[in-house]
């Protein structure tokens, strides 16, 4: 189901034996646009600490009650390292958090995305032959991006400025960031449009800009996205059909060195 990342912030996290805190941010990689970690503020329970929580540990997301149920105990979480949530973190530092959650390195799972049952599968210590074979040879180092930081980034099309990032749409089953919610600024009041993450070429921390492989006129002519209406897959297709299909070259440039 497609959900707004903005609405996920401040969700309460319930461990197997009690509450542990609230969601403060999401880290996603800029190659597959998949959420890799939730940044959780542990509040009064562990004052001053923020921890990384993998979506693979989530048993249930209750959007009505604004809470996430996870398959971790408070003691497991207590032993986890703290993170500096205001900075993006890369593969080498993420490796330090693996043992705490008894999860495989996420880059060792090839094209596999998060989904129901993944936590139970890996908590048992089992890994497929493909995963074991691929892990030693993978050399990619995708950058983790902060959803909170990228909000308000400028959106730059091939031929000019198109607006700014207002939010993201995430699939709460696979935890893939499907779309950017972009507020255009070429009208007096502007409008909201959806841009699929496949069209993102790169995101620059220096420029505070998300570059997309689209022309301004194509973005401006996209149908307006109404926040008050539920977004189904058919509605998403209608709202993004005018962009066509991204090229292989465009998809390859999702890995950023900025």
Protein backbone atom coordinates (compact mmCIF):
# COMPACT_ATOMS: atom_id res chain seq x y z
CA UNK A 1 0.00 0.00 0.00
CA UNK A 2 1.34 3.47 -0.88
CA UNK A 3 1.87 5.79 2.05
CA UNK A 4 3.28 9.27 2.65
CA UNK A 5 6.68 9.32 4.34
CA UNK A 6 5.62 12.52 6.11
CA UNK A 7 2.87 10.59 7.88
CA UNK A 8 5.33 7.91 9.04
CA UNK A 9 7.41 10.40 11.02
CA UNK A 10 6.60 10.31 14.75
CA UNK A 11 5.06 6.83 14.54
CA UNK A 12 5.44 4.94 17.84
CA UNK A 13 7.65 1.83 17.72
CA UNK A 14 6.49 -1.16 19.80
CA UNK A 15 9.07 -3.85 20.62
CA UNK A 16 8.04 -7.34 21.74
CA UNK A 17 8.18 -6.20 25.38
CA UNK A 18 7.32 -2.50 25.32
CA UNK A 19 7.60 0.82 23.50
CA UNK A 20 11.04 1.98 22.37
CA UNK A 21 10.47 5.41 20.84
CA UNK A 22 9.33 7.25 17.72
CA UNK A 23 10.38 7.41 14.07
CA UNK A 24 12.42 10.54 13.35
CA UNK A 25 13.69 9.87 9.82
CA UNK A 26 14.06 7.30 7.04
CA UNK A 27 17.30 6.38 5.29
CA UNK A 28 16.95 5.02 1.75
CA UNK A 29 19.62 4.10 -0.75
CA UNK A 30 19.84 6.13 -3.92
CA UNK A 31 20.39 3.15 -6.23
CA UNK A 32 17.25 1.08 -5.68
CA UNK A 33 15.29 3.76 -3.82
CA UNK A 34 14.50 1.32 -1.03
CA UNK A 35 14.18 2.28 2.62
CA UNK A 36 17.04 0.59 4.47
CA UNK A 37 16.62 2.00 7.96
CA UNK A 38 14.23 3.92 10.14
CA UNK A 39 15.92 6.33 12.53
CA UNK A 40 14.24 5.92 15.92
CA UNK A 41 14.48 8.41 18.76
CA UNK A 42 14.39 6.34 21.96
CA UNK A 43 13.22 9.32 24.05
CA UNK A 44 13.12 8.86 27.85
CA UNK A 45 13.83 5.13 27.62
CA UNK A 46 17.42 5.61 26.37
CA UNK A 47 17.89 9.37 26.67
CA UNK A 48 19.96 10.99 23.96
CA UNK A 49 20.10 7.92 21.72
CA UNK A 50 18.83 7.37 18.21
CA UNK A 51 19.08 3.90 16.69
CA UNK A 52 18.78 2.35 13.25
CA UNK A 53 15.90 -0.05 12.71
CA UNK A 54 15.61 -2.20 9.60
CA UNK A 55 12.18 -2.44 7.93
CA UNK A 56 12.80 -6.19 7.87
CA UNK A 57 12.10 -6.20 11.61
CA UNK A 58 8.61 -4.70 11.20
CA UNK A 59 5.81 -7.18 11.83
CA UNK A 60 2.92 -4.80 11.26
CA UNK A 61 2.36 -1.17 10.27
CA UNK A 62 -0.83 0.30 11.72
CA UNK A 63 -1.36 3.59 9.88
CA UNK A 64 -4.60 4.33 11.68
CA UNK A 65 -3.02 4.13 15.14
CA UNK A 66 0.29 5.55 13.87
CA UNK A 67 2.43 2.73 15.21
CA UNK A 68 4.84 0.04 14.05
CA UNK A 69 5.11 -3.39 15.71
CA UNK A 70 8.63 -4.86 15.45
CA UNK A 71 10.08 -8.33 16.08
CA UNK A 72 12.82 -7.10 18.42
CA UNK A 73 13.05 -7.00 22.19
CA UNK A 74 14.05 -3.91 24.12
CA UNK A 75 17.28 -5.66 25.12
CA UNK A 76 18.21 -6.27 21.47
CA UNK A 77 17.62 -2.61 20.76
CA UNK A 78 19.47 -1.50 23.91
CA UNK A 79 22.61 -3.22 22.59
CA UNK A 80 22.42 -1.47 19.23
CA UNK A 81 24.76 1.41 18.36
CA UNK A 82 23.63 5.01 18.23
CA UNK A 83 23.68 6.98 14.99
CA UNK A 84 24.22 10.59 14.03
CA UNK A 85 20.87 10.97 12.28
CA UNK A 86 21.61 14.35 10.74
CA UNK A 87 24.31 12.89 8.46
CA UNK A 88 23.96 10.44 5.55
CA UNK A 89 25.85 7.22 6.19
CA UNK A 90 27.46 4.84 3.72
CA UNK A 91 28.07 1.14 3.43
CA UNK A 92 31.18 0.92 5.61
CA UNK A 93 29.48 2.39 8.68
CA UNK A 94 26.28 0.44 8.11
CA UNK A 95 28.34 -2.77 8.35
CA UNK A 96 28.84 -2.02 12.05
CA UNK A 97 25.12 -2.41 12.73
CA UNK A 98 24.66 -5.84 11.12
CA UNK A 99 25.41 -8.11 14.05
CA UNK A 100 23.07 -6.29 16.41
CA UNK A 101 20.04 -7.28 14.36
CA UNK A 102 21.35 -10.64 13.08
CA UNK A 103 20.48 -9.48 9.56
CA UNK A 104 22.48 -9.98 6.36
CA UNK A 105 24.13 -6.97 4.80
CA UNK A 106 21.40 -5.50 2.64
CA UNK A 107 23.75 -5.29 -0.36
CA UNK A 108 24.25 -9.05 -0.12
CA UNK A 109 20.65 -9.77 -1.09
CA UNK A 110 20.99 -8.71 -4.70
CA UNK A 111 17.70 -7.40 -6.05
CA UNK A 112 15.62 -8.60 -3.10
CA UNK A 113 13.50 -5.91 -1.46
CA UNK A 114 11.98 -5.95 1.97
CA UNK A 115 8.67 -7.74 2.34
CA UNK A 116 6.53 -9.84 4.68
CA UNK A 117 8.38 -12.78 6.21
CA UNK A 118 11.89 -11.52 5.55
CA UNK A 119 12.68 -10.88 9.23
CA UNK A 120 11.57 -14.35 10.29
CA UNK A 121 13.60 -15.90 7.47
CA UNK A 122 16.85 -14.16 8.41
CA UNK A 123 16.35 -14.31 12.17
CA UNK A 124 16.51 -18.08 11.81
CA UNK A 125 20.03 -17.73 10.43
CA UNK A 126 19.12 -19.13 7.03
CA UNK A 127 20.28 -17.55 3.78
CA UNK A 128 19.81 -18.71 0.24
CA UNK A 129 22.68 -20.13 -1.80
CA UNK A 130 22.41 -17.14 -4.12
CA UNK A 131 22.85 -14.72 -1.22
CA UNK A 132 25.90 -16.57 0.09
CA UNK A 133 27.47 -16.63 -3.37
CA UNK A 134 26.82 -12.97 -4.14
CA UNK A 135 27.87 -11.42 -0.85
CA UNK A 136 31.69 -11.60 -1.23
CA UNK A 137 31.77 -10.20 -4.75
CA UNK A 138 29.48 -7.19 -4.54
CA UNK A 139 31.35 -3.91 -4.82
CA UNK A 140 28.55 -1.35 -5.06
CA UNK A 141 28.47 1.31 -2.36
CA UNK A 142 25.09 3.07 -2.58
CA UNK A 143 24.72 6.20 -0.54
CA UNK A 144 22.04 6.34 2.12
CA UNK A 145 19.87 9.43 1.86
CA UNK A 146 17.83 11.09 4.58
CA UNK A 147 14.18 11.60 3.66
CA UNK A 148 13.95 14.43 6.17
CA UNK A 149 16.92 16.24 4.62
CA UNK A 150 15.83 15.82 1.00
CA UNK A 151 12.45 17.36 1.67
CA UNK A 152 12.54 20.93 0.29
CA UNK A 153 15.40 20.11 -2.10
CA UNK A 154 15.06 21.87 -5.44
CA UNK A 155 13.97 19.70 -8.35
CA UNK A 156 15.99 20.44 -11.46
CA UNK A 157 14.81 19.13 -14.81
CA UNK A 158 17.00 18.74 -17.90
CA UNK A 159 16.21 22.28 -19.04
CA UNK A 160 15.46 24.22 -15.85
CA UNK A 161 13.96 24.36 -12.37
CA UNK A 162 10.72 22.49 -11.80
CA UNK A 163 9.90 23.01 -8.11
CA UNK A 164 10.86 21.37 -4.83
CA UNK A 165 10.46 18.03 -3.07
CA UNK A 166 7.52 18.09 -0.68
CA UNK A 167 7.22 14.43 0.31
CA UNK A 168 7.72 10.83 -0.83
CA UNK A 169 5.39 7.91 -1.46
CA UNK A 170 6.61 4.59 -0.06
CA UNK A 171 5.20 1.09 -0.49
CA UNK A 172 4.83 -0.25 3.06
CA UNK A 173 5.16 -3.86 1.85
CA UNK A 174 8.42 -3.67 -0.11
CA UNK A 175 9.56 -0.34 1.43
CA UNK A 176 10.40 1.00 -2.01
CA UNK A 177 10.22 4.77 -2.45
CA UNK A 178 7.91 4.84 -5.47
CA UNK A 179 7.51 8.58 -6.11
CA UNK A 180 8.58 12.04 -5.16
CA UNK A 181 5.77 14.46 -4.38
CA UNK A 182 6.89 17.66 -6.09
CA UNK A 183 5.45 21.11 -5.62
CA UNK A 184 5.86 23.05 -8.86
CA UNK A 185 6.52 26.79 -8.82
CA UNK A 186 5.73 27.85 -12.37
CA UNK A 187 2.25 29.06 -11.50
CA UNK A 188 1.36 31.65 -8.87
CA UNK A 189 0.20 28.92 -6.50
CA UNK A 190 1.87 25.95 -8.16
CA UNK A 191 0.53 22.41 -7.94
CA UNK A 192 1.57 18.98 -6.71
CA UNK A 193 2.73 16.33 -9.16
CA UNK A 194 4.22 12.87 -8.74
CA UNK A 195 7.59 11.95 -10.26
CA UNK A 196 8.52 8.24 -10.13
CA UNK A 197 11.88 7.64 -8.45
CA UNK A 198 13.11 5.89 -11.63
CA UNK A 199 13.37 9.30 -13.26
CA UNK A 200 15.82 10.64 -10.66
CA UNK A 201 19.32 10.98 -12.11
CA UNK A 202 21.08 12.02 -8.90
CA UNK A 203 20.70 14.02 -5.70
CA UNK A 204 23.36 16.57 -4.81
CA UNK A 205 24.07 17.43 -1.17
CA UNK A 206 26.17 20.39 -2.32
CA UNK A 207 23.47 21.92 -4.53
CA UNK A 208 20.57 20.78 -2.33
CA UNK A 209 19.00 19.63 -5.58
CA UNK A 210 17.39 16.49 -7.01
CA UNK A 211 18.13 16.18 -10.74
CA UNK A 212 15.55 14.37 -12.88
CA UNK A 213 15.76 13.12 -16.48
CA UNK A 214 12.64 15.01 -17.56
CA UNK A 215 11.94 18.32 -19.24
CA UNK A 216 10.17 21.10 -17.39
CA UNK A 217 7.16 21.16 -19.72
CA UNK A 218 6.54 17.45 -19.18
CA UNK A 219 6.54 17.93 -15.40
CA UNK A 220 4.29 20.97 -15.59
CA UNK A 221 1.79 19.17 -17.81
CA UNK A 222 1.49 16.18 -15.46
CA UNK A 223 -1.92 15.74 -13.77
CA UNK A 224 -2.25 17.38 -10.39
CA UNK A 225 -1.94 15.09 -7.38
CA UNK A 226 -4.77 15.50 -4.86
CA UNK A 227 -3.63 14.66 -1.32
CA UNK A 228 -7.21 14.16 -0.15
CA UNK A 229 -7.89 11.19 -2.46
CA UNK A 230 -6.62 7.66 -1.76
CA UNK A 231 -3.85 6.72 -4.18
CA UNK A 232 -4.44 3.37 -5.85
CA UNK A 233 -2.08 1.72 -8.32
CA UNK A 234 -4.39 2.68 -11.17
CA UNK A 235 -4.44 6.30 -10.01
CA UNK A 236 -0.64 6.28 -9.76
CA UNK A 237 -0.42 4.98 -13.32
CA UNK A 238 -2.74 7.73 -14.52
CA UNK A 239 -0.79 10.45 -12.72
CA UNK A 240 2.58 9.33 -14.09
CA UNK A 241 1.70 7.88 -17.52
CA UNK A 242 2.73 11.04 -19.36
CA UNK A 243 6.38 10.57 -18.44
CA UNK A 244 6.68 7.35 -20.40
CA UNK A 245 9.33 4.80 -19.45
CA UNK A 246 12.79 5.88 -18.21
CA UNK A 247 15.76 4.82 -20.33
CA UNK A 248 18.31 2.29 -19.14
CA UNK A 249 20.87 5.08 -19.16
CA UNK A 250 18.72 7.15 -16.84
CA UNK A 251 18.24 4.26 -14.44
CA UNK A 252 21.97 3.59 -14.34
CA UNK A 253 22.65 7.14 -13.18
CA UNK A 254 20.67 6.68 -9.96
CA UNK A 255 23.96 6.01 -8.17
CA UNK A 256 25.26 9.38 -7.05
CA UNK A 257 28.75 10.52 -6.32
CA UNK A 258 27.66 14.01 -5.30
